[in-house]
Amino acid sequence: MQNTDELAYWNALDIAGAIRARKLSTLEVVDHFITRIERHNPALNAVIAEGFEEARASAKAADRRSASGDATGPLHGVPVLMKDCLDFKTGWRNTFGGVRALKDYVASYYTTFPERMERAGAIILGKTNSPVFGFRGTCDNYLFGPTCNPFDLTRNSGGSSGGSAAAVAAGFVPIAGGGDGGGSIRIPAAWCNVFGYKQSFGLVPLRLEPNLFGGTHPFLFEGPITRSVADAALTLNVLAGKGACDPFSYDASCDFVAASSRSIAGLKVGFSADFGIFPVDPEIQAIARNAAFSLVDAGADVEEIRVCFDRSQQELSDLWCRLIIPNSVLGLELLKEQGYDVSADHPEDLPPELRCWLDRMRSRTAVEYMRDQIIRSGVHASIERVFEKYDVLITPTLACLPVSNAQDGNTVGPSEVAGEAVDPLIGWCLTYPINFTGHPAASAPAGLSASGLPVGVQIIGRRFDDASVFATSGALERIRPWNTAFDRVQRVLEEAPAVSGYGRTPLLNVRTS
């Protein structure tokens, strides 16, 4: 058997290959990753619900299939984690991001990530932490507390898919699921030095019941968080393709693994340090700029450009809140119909920022809502103007470095960046405008700050041109490899005291009985 710490940082492609070649059994692999989670998760708080015995049973079944010569999927035996908010698996708990009153809620259907990953042979080990209803760019809640950044355990992992990003960075699994309604895959990927991918809207079917049209305001996504571009591409190969659950879904026409190794010679890349409107930490701007212009070494034509939005960043962050909150309003109403009246019976389970926006949106008129769609249309037009000349647009993923964790279960981002006021929930994230538009976008590691904290770059492509985003991301990974940074994570984990943080409960079992 391989050394635990070495195996922890193998890519999914390597793990699947070793199992296929009978060098490792699925059960050996699953046991090793479970052991690593049990050892290091108390310091990180990335995994909040465990399905370990179910995973071991699935691993044994997978090994029996291998022994009998049954055909295996591309992820046969690969351990993965799913997010506790947007990802549902029939019979498993879902707390909607650490809502105390919902700790025993049980999902009645599968969403796309767990369903298609299991069909491809992956073994789901458990669920990862996220904020309440995913409504912020940090990862904290009153039930489980904050997920710590694997580069500095006093700081936050980012959100809302913060548990997934931290788990991947810590070598708990090679792939974890994320959901992205304003950057929730890309934000924690940037702060945890991993690769997060949000595909073109419709490429991966989104299952939201009972409202199949609920994922459009803004565009919502399920997608992968990985340590390598190739693993994300492999995952997208598995997830992509039309599904009856999503009227906007369509079939993929690309092998994304092949695209990730494609040449970018002659590719026209535009770099914007701030989208024209965001205050961004100067150190982050410099690291992102260096990463973008390093693509010249791969033959790309890179220029610094100005993106022209006709609204301020404060106006756009408010717009994002107004557009996404109706999903939470409806979700709470549907939960009430199932006997969970959280707003009336357990309002203290909802963060005050969320309660404020819920109250504001309940009185909003249809005309006001449609006027917001006009503002959103202007953002789309601005991004489309960039793609009249450029194939790819690169920006910093975030305007600031990871923030310190709060001690009350309510960590938020900064209220000010570079001397300018920003919304602490989302205003420091350069990600959410791309949820207005539906373009494909990745966050890739760009380097570490002087203090040793990760910085990410956002790589955006034309609608339906996910191949160019993968090609650009793959080129960046080859030019500026980021895997060596995980040696630092290993040291942080080894030196961490095994103590529980604020609000920490013992790992929930994914099943209530």
Protein backbone atom coordinates (compact mmCIF):
# COMPACT_ATOMS: atom_id res chain seq x y z
CA MET A 1 0.00 0.00 0.00
CA GLN A 2 1.21 3.52 -0.79
CA ASN A 3 2.25 6.00 1.91
CA THR A 4 -0.88 7.74 3.22
CA ASP A 5 0.32 11.27 2.64
CA GLU A 6 1.59 10.45 -0.84
CA LEU A 7 -1.68 8.82 -1.87
CA ALA A 8 -3.61 11.75 -0.42
CA TYR A 9 -2.32 14.01 -3.18
CA TRP A 10 -2.71 11.63 -6.09
CA ASN A 11 -5.03 12.85 -8.81
CA ALA A 12 -8.27 11.05 -9.57
CA LEU A 13 -6.91 9.86 -12.92
CA ASP A 14 -3.98 8.17 -11.13
CA ILE A 15 -6.17 6.59 -8.45
CA ALA A 16 -8.62 5.20 -10.99
CA GLY A 17 -5.74 3.87 -13.08
CA ALA A 18 -4.11 2.13 -10.11
CA ILE A 19 -7.40 0.48 -9.15
CA ARG A 20 -8.03 -0.57 -12.74
CA ALA A 21 -4.54 -2.12 -12.91
CA ARG A 22 -5.18 -3.96 -9.59
CA LYS A 23 -2.30 -2.14 -7.90
CA LEU A 24 -4.77 -0.86 -5.30
CA SER A 25 -8.19 -2.06 -4.23
CA THR A 26 -11.07 0.35 -3.91
CA LEU A 27 -11.48 -0.60 -0.26
CA GLU A 28 -7.81 0.17 0.48
CA VAL A 29 -8.18 3.58 -1.15
CA VAL A 30 -11.43 4.39 0.62
CA ASP A 31 -10.04 3.32 4.00
CA HIS A 32 -6.97 5.51 3.53
CA PHE A 33 -9.00 8.63 2.73
CA ILE A 34 -11.43 7.99 5.59
CA THR A 35 -8.47 7.67 7.95
CA ARG A 36 -7.05 10.95 6.68
CA ILE A 37 -10.37 12.74 7.20
CA GLU A 38 -10.70 11.35 10.72
CA ARG A 39 -7.16 12.45 11.52
CA HIS A 40 -7.13 15.99 10.12
CA ASN A 41 -10.75 17.13 9.87
CA PRO A 42 -11.03 18.17 13.56
CA ALA A 43 -8.59 21.02 12.82
CA LEU A 44 -10.07 21.93 9.43
CA ASN A 45 -13.82 21.39 9.86
CA ALA A 46 -14.34 20.73 6.16
CA VAL A 47 -16.39 17.51 6.38
CA ILE A 48 -19.54 17.77 8.49
CA ALA A 49 -21.39 14.52 7.73
CA GLU A 50 -19.88 11.08 7.20
CA GLY A 51 -21.13 8.19 5.14
CA PHE A 52 -18.08 6.06 5.86
CA GLU A 53 -19.73 2.67 6.39
CA GLU A 54 -21.85 3.14 3.29
CA ALA A 55 -18.69 4.08 1.38
CA ARG A 56 -16.89 0.96 2.59
CA ALA A 57 -19.83 -1.19 1.48
CA SER A 58 -19.78 0.49 -1.95
CA ALA A 59 -16.01 -0.06 -2.15
CA LYS A 60 -16.38 -3.77 -1.45
CA ALA A 61 -19.05 -4.01 -4.13
CA ALA A 62 -16.79 -2.17 -6.58
CA ASP A 63 -13.94 -4.60 -5.87
CA ARG A 64 -16.27 -7.55 -6.48
CA ARG A 65 -17.23 -6.07 -9.84
CA SER A 66 -13.57 -5.58 -10.73
CA ALA A 67 -12.75 -9.17 -9.77
CA SER A 68 -15.55 -10.49 -11.98
CA GLY A 69 -14.37 -8.42 -14.94
CA ASP A 70 -17.37 -6.12 -15.04
CA ALA A 71 -16.90 -2.91 -16.99
CA THR A 72 -15.99 0.01 -14.76
CA GLY A 73 -16.63 3.72 -15.12
CA PRO A 74 -13.97 6.40 -15.56
CA LEU A 75 -14.04 7.22 -11.82
CA HIS A 76 -14.23 3.62 -10.60
CA GLY A 77 -13.19 3.56 -6.95
CA VAL A 78 -12.32 7.27 -6.68
CA PRO A 79 -13.38 8.79 -3.32
CA VAL A 80 -15.28 12.08 -3.54
CA LEU A 81 -17.25 14.41 -1.26
CA MET A 82 -20.47 16.34 -1.92
CA LYS A 83 -21.58 19.73 -0.64
CA ASP A 84 -24.13 20.12 2.14
CA CYS A 85 -26.40 22.68 0.54
CA LEU A 86 -27.06 22.22 -3.18
CA ASP A 87 -26.08 18.53 -3.50
CA PHE A 88 -28.85 16.09 -2.56
CA LYS A 89 -28.60 12.30 -2.29
CA THR A 90 -31.72 10.25 -1.61
CA GLY A 91 -31.87 9.18 2.02
CA TRP A 92 -29.00 11.44 3.14
CA ARG A 93 -29.29 14.40 5.48
CA ASN A 94 -29.11 17.92 4.09
CA THR A 95 -28.87 20.81 6.56
CA PHE A 96 -29.01 23.53 3.84
CA GLY A 97 -25.70 24.92 5.06
CA GLY A 98 -25.75 24.32 8.80
CA VAL A 99 -29.32 25.30 9.70
CA ARG A 100 -29.73 23.83 13.19
CA ALA A 101 -33.46 23.17 12.79
CA LEU A 102 -32.77 21.17 9.61
CA LYS A 103 -30.03 18.85 10.90
CA ASP A 104 -32.37 15.85 10.50
CA TYR A 105 -33.86 16.84 7.14
CA VAL A 106 -33.56 13.96 4.64
CA ALA A 107 -33.29 14.46 0.88
CA SER A 108 -35.84 12.65 -1.28
CA TYR A 109 -34.02 12.81 -4.62
CA TYR A 110 -30.59 12.94 -6.25
CA THR A 111 -29.07 16.05 -7.76
CA THR A 112 -26.75 15.70 -10.74
CA PHE A 113 -23.35 15.62 -9.01
CA PRO A 114 -23.90 12.63 -6.73
CA GLU A 115 -26.05 10.77 -9.25
CA ARG A 116 -23.65 10.99 -12.20
CA MET A 117 -20.50 10.63 -10.10
CA GLU A 118 -21.74 7.38 -8.59
CA ARG A 119 -22.81 6.17 -12.02
CA ALA A 120 -19.22 6.76 -13.17
CA GLY A 121 -17.92 4.62 -10.28
CA ALA A 122 -17.01 7.27 -7.68
CA ILE A 123 -17.49 6.53 -3.97
CA ILE A 124 -19.07 9.36 -1.94
CA LEU A 125 -17.54 9.55 1.54
CA GLY A 126 -19.70 12.29 3.06
CA LYS A 127 -20.74 15.94 2.92
CA THR A 128 -18.86 19.21 3.23
CA ASN A 129 -19.53 22.44 5.10
CA SER A 130 -21.18 25.57 3.66
CA PRO A 131 -22.94 28.71 4.95
CA VAL A 132 -26.70 28.92 5.43
CA PHE A 133 -28.42 28.67 2.02
CA GLY A 134 -25.04 29.47 0.43
CA PHE A 135 -25.75 33.18 0.87
CA ARG A 136 -22.22 34.61 1.22
CA GLY A 137 -18.67 34.17 -0.01
CA THR A 138 -17.37 32.74 3.28
CA CYS A 139 -17.96 29.37 4.94
CA ASP A 140 -19.45 29.46 8.45
CA ASN A 141 -22.73 28.65 10.17
CA TYR A 142 -24.25 28.25 13.62
CA LEU A 143 -24.42 24.43 13.54
CA PHE A 144 -20.93 23.44 12.47
CA GLY A 145 -18.88 26.64 12.68
CA PRO A 146 -16.32 27.88 10.15
CA THR A 147 -14.24 25.83 7.77
CA CYS A 148 -10.60 26.78 8.26
CA ASN A 149 -8.22 27.67 5.48
CA PRO A 150 -5.71 24.83 5.02
CA PHE A 151 -2.90 27.39 4.55
CA ASP A 152 -3.71 29.21 7.81
CA LEU A 153 -6.18 27.65 10.23
CA THR A 154 -7.10 31.02 11.74
CA ARG A 155 -8.55 32.13 8.41
CA ASN A 156 -11.58 31.15 6.38
CA SER A 157 -11.70 28.76 3.44
CA GLY A 158 -14.08 30.93 1.41
CA GLY A 159 -17.57 29.90 0.38
CA SER A 160 -20.04 28.85 -0.14
CA SER A 161 -18.40 25.54 -1.18
CA GLY A 162 -15.69 26.11 1.41
CA GLY A 163 -15.74 22.65 2.93
CA SER A 164 -15.24 21.10 -0.50
CA ALA A 165 -12.32 23.35 -1.45
CA ALA A 166 -10.57 22.91 1.90
CA ALA A 167 -11.06 19.14 1.75
CA VAL A 168 -9.51 18.90 -1.70
CA ALA A 169 -6.58 21.13 -0.69
CA ALA A 170 -6.04 18.99 2.43
CA GLY A 171 -5.91 15.75 0.45
CA PHE A 172 -9.16 14.36 1.85
CA VAL A 173 -10.34 13.55 -1.70
CA PRO A 174 -9.16 14.46 -5.22
CA ILE A 175 -12.62 15.72 -6.26
CA ALA A 176 -15.41 17.42 -4.34
CA GLY A 177 -18.70 18.83 -5.50
CA GLY A 178 -19.57 22.49 -5.34
CA GLY A 179 -22.51 24.71 -6.14
CA ASP A 180 -22.07 28.15 -7.68
CA GLY A 181 -24.68 30.91 -7.63
CA GLY A 182 -22.30 33.87 -7.29
CA GLY A 183 -18.86 32.31 -7.21
CA SER A 184 -19.33 29.57 -4.64
CA ILE A 185 -17.03 27.17 -6.51
CA ARG A 186 -14.49 29.77 -7.61
CA ILE A 187 -14.25 31.80 -4.37
CA PRO A 188 -13.06 28.97 -2.08
CA ALA A 189 -10.94 27.53 -4.89
CA ALA A 190 -9.03 30.83 -4.98
CA TRP A 191 -8.50 30.95 -1.20
CA CYS A 192 -7.52 27.25 -0.96
CA ASN A 193 -5.16 27.07 -3.98
CA VAL A 194 -7.28 24.56 -5.89
CA PHE A 195 -9.04 24.54 -9.25
CA GLY A 196 -12.76 25.27 -9.38
CA TYR A 197 -14.88 25.10 -12.52
CA LYS A 198 -18.24 26.70 -13.39
CA GLN A 199 -19.33 25.53 -16.81
CA SER A 200 -21.49 27.20 -19.44
CA PHE A 201 -25.05 27.30 -18.18
CA GLY A 202 -26.90 24.17 -19.29
CA LEU A 203 -23.85 22.00 -19.92
CA VAL A 204 -24.48 20.17 -16.63
CA PRO A 205 -28.19 19.69 -15.90
CA LEU A 206 -29.36 21.34 -12.69
CA ARG A 207 -32.05 19.49 -10.77
CA LEU A 208 -34.13 21.75 -8.55
CA GLU A 209 -37.47 20.38 -7.42
CA PRO A 210 -40.25 21.35 -7.71
CA ASN A 211 -39.17 24.47 -9.67
CA LEU A 212 -37.19 23.28 -12.70
CA PHE A 213 -36.69 26.91 -13.78
CA GLY A 214 -35.27 28.07 -10.43
CA GLY A 215 -31.64 28.04 -11.52
CA THR A 216 -31.74 31.03 -13.86
CA HIS A 217 -31.96 34.09 -11.55
CA PRO A 218 -29.00 34.28 -11.36
CA PHE A 219 -27.61 31.22 -13.11
CA LEU A 220 -26.88 28.40 -10.64
CA PHE A 221 -24.46 25.51 -11.17
CA GLU A 222 -23.18 22.23 -9.79
CA GLY A 223 -19.54 21.60 -10.63
CA PRO A 224 -16.15 20.20 -9.58
CA ILE A 225 -13.40 21.38 -7.26
CA THR A 226 -10.09 19.57 -7.82
CA ARG A 227 -6.34 20.01 -7.47
CA SER A 228 -5.63 19.55 -11.19
CA VAL A 229 -7.20 20.83 -14.38
CA ALA A 230 -7.31 17.32 -15.85
CA ASP A 231 -9.36 16.00 -12.90
CA ALA A 232 -11.88 18.82 -13.32
CA ALA A 233 -12.05 18.08 -17.04
CA LEU A 234 -12.62 14.37 -16.34
CA THR A 235 -15.36 15.26 -13.87
CA LEU A 236 -17.05 17.53 -16.39
CA ASN A 237 -16.95 14.72 -18.95
CA VAL A 238 -18.92 12.69 -16.41
CA LEU A 239 -21.36 15.43 -15.39
CA ALA A 240 -22.09 17.04 -18.76
CA GLY A 241 -24.98 16.13 -21.02
CA LYS A 242 -28.68 16.70 -21.36
CA GLY A 243 -30.96 15.73 -18.47
CA ALA A 244 -34.74 15.58 -18.33
CA CYS A 245 -34.63 17.44 -15.00
CA ASP A 246 -33.32 20.62 -16.66
CA PRO A 247 -35.11 22.21 -19.63
CA PHE A 248 -31.99 24.30 -20.39
CA SER A 249 -29.53 21.39 -20.53
CA TYR A 250 -27.82 20.27 -23.69
CA ASP A 251 -25.42 17.55 -24.82
CA ALA A 252 -21.68 18.15 -24.69
CA SER A 253 -19.70 17.99 -27.92
CA CYS A 254 -16.20 18.07 -26.43
CA ASP A 255 -13.74 15.85 -24.59
CA PHE A 256 -12.67 18.28 -21.87
CA VAL A 257 -9.67 16.18 -20.85
CA ALA A 258 -8.30 16.50 -24.38
CA ALA A 259 -9.12 20.23 -24.36
CA SER A 260 -7.10 20.75 -21.18
CA SER A 261 -3.89 19.75 -22.98
CA ARG A 262 -4.65 21.71 -26.17
CA SER A 263 -2.24 24.39 -27.39
CA ILE A 264 -3.21 28.01 -26.80
CA ALA A 265 -0.80 29.42 -29.40
CA GLY A 266 -2.47 32.45 -30.98
CA LEU A 267 -5.21 32.65 -28.35
CA LYS A 268 -6.24 36.25 -27.64
CA VAL A 269 -6.38 36.88 -23.90
CA GLY A 270 -7.66 40.06 -22.27
CA PHE A 271 -6.61 40.76 -18.68
CA SER A 272 -8.53 43.11 -16.41
CA ALA A 273 -7.16 43.73 -12.93
CA ASP A 274 -10.47 44.96 -11.53
CA PHE A 275 -13.35 44.59 -14.04
CA GLY A 276 -13.16 48.38 -14.20
CA ILE A 277 -15.18 48.83 -11.00
CA PHE A 278 -13.80 46.66 -8.17
CA PRO A 279 -11.27 47.81 -5.58
CA VAL A 280 -8.63 45.05 -5.50
CA ASP A 281 -5.67 44.58 -3.18
CA PRO A 282 -2.57 45.74 -5.13
CA GLU A 283 -0.64 42.57 -4.24
CA ILE A 284 -3.44 40.44 -5.66
CA GLN A 285 -3.52 42.53 -8.83
CA ALA A 286 0.22 42.02 -9.31
CA ILE A 287 0.08 38.24 -8.76
CA ALA A 288 -2.91 37.88 -11.10
CA ARG A 289 -1.27 40.05 -13.76
CA ASN A 290 1.92 37.97 -13.65
CA ALA A 291 -0.08 34.78 -14.00
CA ALA A 292 -2.06 36.09 -16.96
CA PHE A 293 0.99 37.39 -18.82
CA SER A 294 2.87 34.12 -18.20
CA LEU A 295 0.57 32.66 -20.86
CA VAL A 296 2.71 34.47 -23.41
CA ASP A 297 5.19 31.64 -22.82
CA ALA A 298 2.58 29.25 -24.22
CA GLY A 299 2.07 31.37 -27.33
CA ALA A 300 -0.99 33.37 -26.24
CA ASP A 301 -1.41 37.03 -27.14
CA VAL A 302 -2.13 38.78 -23.81
CA GLU A 303 -3.25 42.40 -23.41
CA GLU A 304 -4.39 44.42 -20.43
CA ILE A 305 -7.87 45.76 -21.14
CA ARG A 306 -10.65 47.78 -19.55
CA VAL A 307 -14.07 46.22 -19.03
CA CYS A 308 -16.82 48.83 -19.11
CA PHE A 309 -19.73 48.15 -16.78
CA ASP A 310 -22.24 50.99 -16.49
CA ARG A 311 -22.97 50.31 -12.80
CA SER A 312 -20.84 50.51 -9.67
CA GLN A 313 -19.74 47.42 -7.80
CA GLN A 314 -22.07 48.37 -4.91
CA GLU A 315 -25.04 48.48 -7.29
CA LEU A 316 -24.11 45.11 -8.79
CA SER A 317 -23.58 43.36 -5.46
CA ASP A 318 -27.01 44.59 -4.33
CA LEU A 319 -28.42 43.33 -7.63
CA TRP A 320 -26.96 39.87 -6.97
CA CYS A 321 -28.58 39.77 -3.53
CA ARG A 322 -31.94 40.82 -4.95
CA LEU A 323 -31.82 38.20 -7.69
CA ILE A 324 -30.72 35.21 -5.62
CA ILE A 325 -32.75 35.77 -2.45
CA PRO A 326 -36.10 34.71 -4.04
CA ASN A 327 -34.66 31.17 -4.20
CA SER A 328 -34.25 31.26 -0.41
CA VAL A 329 -37.73 32.76 0.06
CA LEU A 330 -39.24 29.91 -1.95
CA GLY A 331 -37.04 27.32 -0.27
CA LEU A 332 -38.20 28.38 3.18
CA GLU A 333 -41.83 28.27 2.04
CA LEU A 334 -41.38 24.75 0.64
CA LEU A 335 -39.72 23.63 3.87
CA LYS A 336 -42.64 25.12 5.82
CA GLU A 337 -45.00 22.94 3.77
CA GLN A 338 -42.94 19.93 4.89
CA GLY A 339 -43.24 20.89 8.56
CA TYR A 340 -40.04 22.95 8.97
CA ASP A 341 -41.12 26.56 9.59
CA VAL A 342 -37.62 27.90 10.15
CA SER A 343 -38.49 31.60 9.78
CA ALA A 344 -41.24 31.50 12.39
CA ASP A 345 -39.99 28.85 14.81
CA HIS A 346 -36.21 29.17 14.54
CA PRO A 347 -35.34 32.65 13.18
CA GLU A 348 -32.13 32.60 15.24
CA ASP A 349 -30.87 29.81 12.96
CA LEU A 350 -30.72 32.28 10.07
CA PRO A 351 -27.88 34.86 10.01
CA PRO A 352 -29.07 38.47 10.45
CA GLU A 353 -27.83 39.44 6.96
CA LEU A 354 -29.99 36.71 5.43
CA ARG A 355 -33.03 37.68 7.52
CA CYS A 356 -32.62 41.30 6.42
CA TRP A 357 -32.63 40.40 2.74
CA LEU A 358 -35.53 37.98 3.16
CA ASP A 359 -37.61 40.77 4.68
CA ARG A 360 -36.64 43.22 1.91
CA MET A 361 -37.53 40.85 -0.91
CA ARG A 362 -40.94 39.74 0.34
CA SER A 363 -42.35 43.17 -0.54
CA ARG A 364 -40.65 43.50 -3.93
CA THR A 365 -42.88 44.03 -6.98
CA ALA A 366 -42.79 42.24 -10.33
CA VAL A 367 -41.87 45.47 -12.12
CA GLU A 368 -38.91 46.01 -9.80
CA TYR A 369 -37.81 42.44 -10.45
CA MET A 370 -37.94 42.92 -14.22
CA ARG A 371 -36.03 46.20 -13.99
CA ASP A 372 -33.29 44.24 -12.25
CA GLN A 373 -33.17 41.96 -15.27
CA ILE A 374 -32.46 45.04 -17.41
CA ILE A 375 -29.44 45.86 -15.23
CA ARG A 376 -28.32 42.25 -15.51
CA SER A 377 -28.67 42.49 -19.29
CA GLY A 378 -26.21 45.39 -19.26
CA VAL A 379 -23.61 43.22 -17.51
CA HIS A 380 -24.09 40.55 -20.17
CA ALA A 381 -23.60 43.10 -22.92
CA SER A 382 -20.38 44.34 -21.32
CA ILE A 383 -18.92 40.83 -21.16
CA GLU A 384 -19.99 40.08 -24.71
CA ARG A 385 -18.18 43.19 -25.95
CA VAL A 386 -14.95 41.76 -24.57
CA PHE A 387 -15.45 38.57 -26.56
CA GLU A 388 -15.86 40.50 -29.80
CA LYS A 389 -12.06 40.82 -29.74
CA TYR A 390 -10.72 38.33 -27.18
CA ASP A 391 -11.08 34.55 -26.80
CA VAL A 392 -10.57 34.51 -23.03
CA LEU A 393 -10.93 37.11 -20.26
CA ILE A 394 -8.80 36.82 -17.09
CA THR A 395 -9.33 38.71 -13.82
CA PRO A 396 -8.37 38.17 -10.20
CA THR A 397 -10.92 35.82 -8.68
CA LEU A 398 -11.17 37.85 -5.47
CA ALA A 399 -10.24 41.32 -4.31
CA CYS A 400 -8.75 40.30 -0.96
CA LEU A 401 -6.82 37.58 0.87
CA PRO A 402 -8.58 35.10 3.19
CA VAL A 403 -10.26 36.75 6.18
CA SER A 404 -9.98 35.65 9.81
CA ASN A 405 -12.65 33.34 11.17
CA ALA A 406 -15.23 34.83 13.51
CA GLN A 407 -16.06 33.17 16.83
CA ASP A 408 -19.85 33.45 16.57
CA GLY A 409 -20.68 31.31 13.54
CA ASN A 410 -21.14 34.35 11.30
CA THR A 411 -17.87 35.01 9.44
CA VAL A 412 -18.23 37.53 6.62
CA GLY A 413 -15.81 39.11 4.18
CA PRO A 414 -14.28 42.59 4.43
CA SER A 415 -16.43 45.73 4.49
CA GLU A 416 -13.67 47.69 2.79
CA VAL A 417 -11.03 46.88 0.18
CA ALA A 418 -8.31 49.33 -0.85
CA GLY A 419 -10.15 52.13 0.93
CA GLU A 420 -13.51 51.54 -0.78
CA ALA A 421 -16.65 50.17 0.88
CA VAL A 422 -17.83 46.76 -0.32
CA ASP A 423 -20.66 44.43 0.67
CA PRO A 424 -19.10 41.98 3.16
CA LEU A 425 -21.25 39.14 1.83
CA ILE A 426 -20.21 39.20 -1.84
CA GLY A 427 -18.85 42.64 -2.85
CA TRP A 428 -15.18 41.57 -2.69
CA CYS A 429 -15.76 38.75 -5.19
CA LEU A 430 -15.18 39.33 -8.92
CA THR A 431 -17.11 36.14 -9.60
CA TYR A 432 -20.80 36.99 -9.30
CA PRO A 433 -21.09 39.07 -12.53
CA ILE A 434 -20.46 35.86 -14.47
CA ASN A 435 -23.47 34.26 -12.77
CA PHE A 436 -25.54 37.05 -14.31
CA THR A 437 -24.33 35.99 -17.76
CA GLY A 438 -23.85 32.19 -17.78
CA HIS A 439 -20.37 32.21 -19.34
CA PRO A 440 -17.96 29.42 -18.38
CA ALA A 441 -15.41 30.45 -15.74
CA ALA A 442 -12.69 28.76 -13.72
CA SER A 443 -10.60 29.83 -10.77
CA ALA A 444 -7.02 28.62 -11.03
CA PRO A 445 -4.18 29.15 -8.53
CA ALA A 446 -2.03 32.14 -9.49
CA GLY A 447 0.52 32.02 -6.68
CA LEU A 448 0.96 32.77 -3.00
CA SER A 449 1.05 36.18 -1.36
CA ALA A 450 4.04 37.38 0.66
CA SER A 451 2.25 36.04 3.74
CA GLY A 452 1.87 32.60 2.14
CA LEU A 453 -1.86 32.83 1.36
CA PRO A 454 -3.29 31.71 -2.00
CA VAL A 455 -4.38 34.02 -4.81
CA GLY A 456 -6.55 32.85 -7.71
CA VAL A 457 -7.23 34.07 -11.22
CA GLN A 458 -10.62 33.81 -12.88
CA ILE A 459 -10.50 32.49 -16.46
CA ILE A 460 -13.67 33.29 -18.42
CA GLY A 461 -14.64 32.06 -21.88
CA ARG A 462 -17.32 32.66 -24.48
CA ARG A 463 -20.66 30.99 -23.91
CA PHE A 464 -20.39 27.31 -24.85
CA ASP A 465 -16.61 27.55 -25.36
CA ASP A 466 -15.62 25.65 -22.23
CA ALA A 467 -12.82 24.05 -24.25
CA SER A 468 -10.88 27.33 -24.40
CA VAL A 469 -11.21 27.83 -20.65
CA PHE A 470 -9.82 24.35 -20.04
CA ALA A 471 -7.03 24.87 -22.59
CA THR A 472 -6.02 28.15 -20.93
CA SER A 473 -6.21 26.66 -17.45
CA GLY A 474 -4.14 23.66 -18.50
CA ALA A 475 -1.49 25.91 -20.03
CA LEU A 476 -1.31 27.99 -16.84
CA GLU A 477 -0.89 24.84 -14.74
CA ARG A 478 1.98 23.64 -16.95
CA ILE A 479 3.74 27.03 -16.91
CA ARG A 480 3.20 27.76 -13.21
CA PRO A 481 2.60 24.42 -11.41
CA TRP A 482 0.74 24.90 -8.17
CA ASN A 483 0.93 21.39 -6.70
CA THR A 484 4.10 22.14 -4.70
CA ALA A 485 2.10 24.52 -2.48
CA PHE A 486 0.36 21.54 -0.89
CA ASP A 487 3.57 20.70 0.99
CA ARG A 488 2.73 23.77 3.08
CA VAL A 489 -0.79 22.44 3.71
CA GLN A 490 0.61 19.13 4.89
CA ARG A 491 2.88 20.92 7.36
CA VAL A 492 -0.01 23.04 8.66
CA LEU A 493 -2.14 19.94 9.19
CA GLU A 494 0.63 17.99 10.88
CA GLU A 495 1.33 20.86 13.30
CA ALA A 496 -2.33 21.65 14.03
CA PRO A 497 -3.77 20.85 17.46
CA ALA A 498 -6.66 18.41 17.11
CA VAL A 499 -9.25 20.68 18.71
CA SER A 500 -12.79 21.60 17.80
CA GLY A 501 -13.63 25.12 16.70
CA TYR A 502 -16.65 27.31 17.38
CA GLY A 503 -20.01 25.56 17.22
CA ARG A 504 -18.43 22.25 16.19
CA THR A 505 -20.68 19.23 16.57
CA PRO A 506 -19.45 15.68 16.09
CA LEU A 507 -19.70 14.53 12.48
CA LEU A 508 -23.29 13.84 11.59
CA ASN A 509 -24.08 10.48 10.13
CA VAL A 510 -25.50 11.09 6.66
CA ARG A 511 -28.46 8.89 7.54
CA THR A 512 -30.81 9.65 10.41
CA SER A 513 -31.18 6.01 11.37
